[in-house]
């Protein structure tokens, strides 16, 4: 069993005591740790008074009692920590560190149960939180989403101070109604904010903060994406042949064509450099790590990719400039068929898009919101069109599992919900399949049995 000793190891008249912890390892070999305390006593007291049992004054008795009381606190703390942590003899600094924590205990922070404080806590600890890929650190988009929630919720609560336990079914309905009808947010965005709020409350619960028993019943969830925007092969050909004067738009076009050929998200696409191009076993490849999923993707460099990049990679461009450039490019290429969709626009108090001047700038003040309706297709084009166009256009040409190896969809169900194919497209595909089968059967040589004629 570990033994504690206190020693006066100084030539000064008054000095802090040294503490020594001694024990034996599993082989019976003695070892010890040593460290200085912050408890000062006089040399005279330690050498002449401490060990006296008789003939001591009342003052000396009081001092002895006070010293013993303080040393018992230190001894009990160290013995308790030694049993709990079981330090190895090689951990020479263990006693020094343990003495430090005795004098500098960690104070339990009083955790706030206010919703805005809990949202802020998630934001402040974003860098050390486990992400969906099993690593540490939330993505920039997730961190941005929580920052947006904080701003939105501050506006929602006004002068009120809502607590985590207030988030029940009725609260969720009121918040959703406010997001949709007063703030004119899209249903998808509103439901996402509800989900973010539920995540914050669940995190608070883990930290010992009371939540409503109805929290899991609060409705958030994703909306069905009814607007799948992609560029067909004929539209891409049209864009490719469009005459462009602007060097910036030529660069945007190059990124677009490359993106529709390799099927990656805008952020991953625009980060491609020459270092992503490698050769393995004589095969030219593009290798990259997807920002969103953390998965490694290997894409063969086909003849079309080589044709696009015959004069080198396009120069780097910010995602927002890419999105703006895509709309302008597709407008010039007359990709202007009116189709149903959703876009970000400046809206008035009724949620209607503000009018624009001849330069395309909004007239008047409003709020940025996602609106739905029928618009010229070029107004709906964003960087995501690259990945969706690749998946949709290659479906039926390549086996689905091979396309999914590029897009990195986890399941075929996800993939089929992602591509822009209607029931008519599937019907046509089935008809084409059977037509090919019939043509194949007609081409197969027929074996005719010829009877040998006998001599008459």
Foldseek 3Di string as FASTA:
>chain_A
DKDKDWADPDPDQKDFIKIKIWDADPVRHIAIEIDTAPDMDGPCCVPPQQPDDPDDDPVSVVVNVVVVVVVVLVVVQVVVVCVVVVDDSVPRCPVVVSSVCVVVPDDDDDDDQFLLSLLVVCLVLQQAPQDPQRDGHDAPVVSVLSVVLSVLVCVVQPPHTDGQQVDAQVNLVVQLCCVCQQVVADLQSSLVSLVVSLVSSVVVVVVVHDHHPRSVVHGRDGDQAPDFDAAAPVLLVLLVPQDDPDPLLVLLNLLLQLLLAQQAFPVFSLPDDPVQWDADPNWTWGWDQHPPNRDIAIGTCDPSNCVSQVVHHRDHDDQVSSFVSQLVSSVSSVQFDWDKDKDWAFAASRNHHADADPVRHGDDHGDTHIDIDIGGSSRVDGRNNSNQSNLQNCVLVDPNVVNCSRNVDPDVVVSVSNHPDDPVNVVVSVVVVVVVVVVVVVPDDDDDDDDDDDDD
